[in-house]
Amino acid sequence: MSAKRHEFSSYYKVLYIFYPYLEILKRVLFEF
């Protein structure tokens, strides 16, 4: 269970890092 939780937290860390880039990408896509 703890291993699963660690995996989940690392997933959230990646999401937290990449979320701003996704927002920028969406903004750029909607600009065109």
N, C-alpha and C. Protein backbone atom coordinates (compact mmCIF):
# COMPACT_ATOMS: atom_id res chain seq x y z
N MET A 1 0.84 -1.21 0.00
CA MET A 1 0.00 0.00 0.00
C MET A 1 0.88 1.26 0.00
N SER A 2 1.91 1.25 0.83
CA SER A 2 2.78 2.43 0.91
C SER A 2 3.52 2.66 -0.42
N ALA A 3 3.88 1.57 -1.09
CA ALA A 3 4.53 1.69 -2.40
C ALA A 3 3.59 2.35 -3.40
N LYS A 4 2.33 1.94 -3.37
CA LYS A 4 1.32 2.52 -4.25
C LYS A 4 1.17 4.02 -3.95
N ARG A 5 1.14 4.36 -2.68
CA ARG A 5 0.99 5.74 -2.28
C ARG A 5 2.19 6.57 -2.76
N HIS A 6 3.38 5.99 -2.65
CA HIS A 6 4.59 6.68 -3.10
C HIS A 6 4.52 6.94 -4.61
N GLU A 7 4.04 5.94 -5.35
CA GLU A 7 3.88 6.05 -6.80
C GLU A 7 2.90 7.18 -7.12
N PHE A 8 1.82 7.23 -6.37
CA PHE A 8 0.78 8.25 -6.56
C PHE A 8 1.33 9.64 -6.29
N SER A 9 2.12 9.78 -5.21
CA SER A 9 2.69 11.08 -4.86
C SER A 9 3.68 11.54 -5.93
N SER A 10 4.45 10.61 -6.48
CA SER A 10 5.40 10.97 -7.54
C SER A 10 4.64 11.40 -8.79
N TYR A 11 3.51 10.74 -9.06
CA TYR A 11 2.65 11.11 -10.19
C TYR A 11 2.13 12.54 -10.01
N TYR A 12 1.72 12.87 -8.78
CA TYR A 12 1.24 14.22 -8.50
C TYR A 12 2.36 15.24 -8.65
N LYS A 13 3.59 14.84 -8.27
CA LYS A 13 4.74 15.73 -8.40
C LYS A 13 4.97 16.06 -9.87
N VAL A 14 4.91 15.04 -10.73
CA VAL A 14 5.09 15.23 -12.17
C VAL A 14 3.97 16.12 -12.72
N LEU A 15 2.74 15.86 -12.29
CA LEU A 15 1.60 16.65 -12.72
C LEU A 15 1.79 18.11 -12.31
N TYR A 16 2.25 18.33 -11.07
CA TYR A 16 2.47 19.67 -10.54
C TYR A 16 3.54 20.42 -11.35
N ILE A 17 4.56 19.66 -11.81
CA ILE A 17 5.63 20.27 -12.59
C ILE A 17 5.14 20.62 -14.00
N PHE A 18 4.37 19.71 -14.60
CA PHE A 18 3.97 19.89 -16.00
C PHE A 18 2.67 20.67 -16.21
N TYR A 19 1.89 20.89 -15.15
CA TYR A 19 0.60 21.57 -15.31
C TYR A 19 0.72 22.97 -15.93
N PRO A 20 1.67 23.80 -15.48
CA PRO A 20 1.79 25.13 -16.10
C PRO A 20 2.08 25.06 -17.60
N TYR A 21 2.89 24.07 -18.00
CA TYR A 21 3.18 23.91 -19.43
C TYR A 21 1.92 23.53 -20.19
N LEU A 22 1.08 22.70 -19.57
CA LEU A 22 -0.18 22.32 -20.21
C LEU A 22 -1.08 23.54 -20.38
N GLU A 23 -1.11 24.39 -19.36
CA GLU A 23 -1.92 25.60 -19.43
C GLU A 23 -1.43 26.50 -20.56
N ILE A 24 -0.11 26.66 -20.67
CA ILE A 24 0.47 27.48 -21.74
C ILE A 24 0.13 26.89 -23.10
N LEU A 25 0.25 25.57 -23.21
CA LEU A 25 -0.04 24.88 -24.46
C LEU A 25 -1.50 25.08 -24.87
N LYS A 26 -2.41 24.95 -23.91
CA LYS A 26 -3.83 25.16 -24.20
C LYS A 26 -4.08 26.60 -24.66
N ARG A 27 -3.43 27.54 -24.00
CA ARG A 27 -3.60 28.94 -24.34
C ARG A 27 -3.12 29.20 -25.76
N VAL A 28 -1.96 28.64 -26.10
CA VAL A 28 -1.39 28.80 -27.44
C VAL A 28 -2.31 28.17 -28.49
N LEU A 29 -2.82 26.97 -28.17
CA LEU A 29 -3.71 26.30 -29.11
C LEU A 29 -4.99 27.09 -29.33
N PHE A 30 -5.52 27.69 -28.27
CA PHE A 30 -6.76 28.46 -28.42
C PHE A 30 -6.52 29.82 -29.09
N GLU A 31 -5.27 30.27 -29.08
CA GLU A 31 -4.95 31.53 -29.77
C GLU A 31 -5.09 31.37 -31.27
N PHE A 32 -4.71 30.21 -31.80
CA PHE A 32 -4.73 29.99 -33.25
C PHE A 32 -6.11 29.68 -33.79
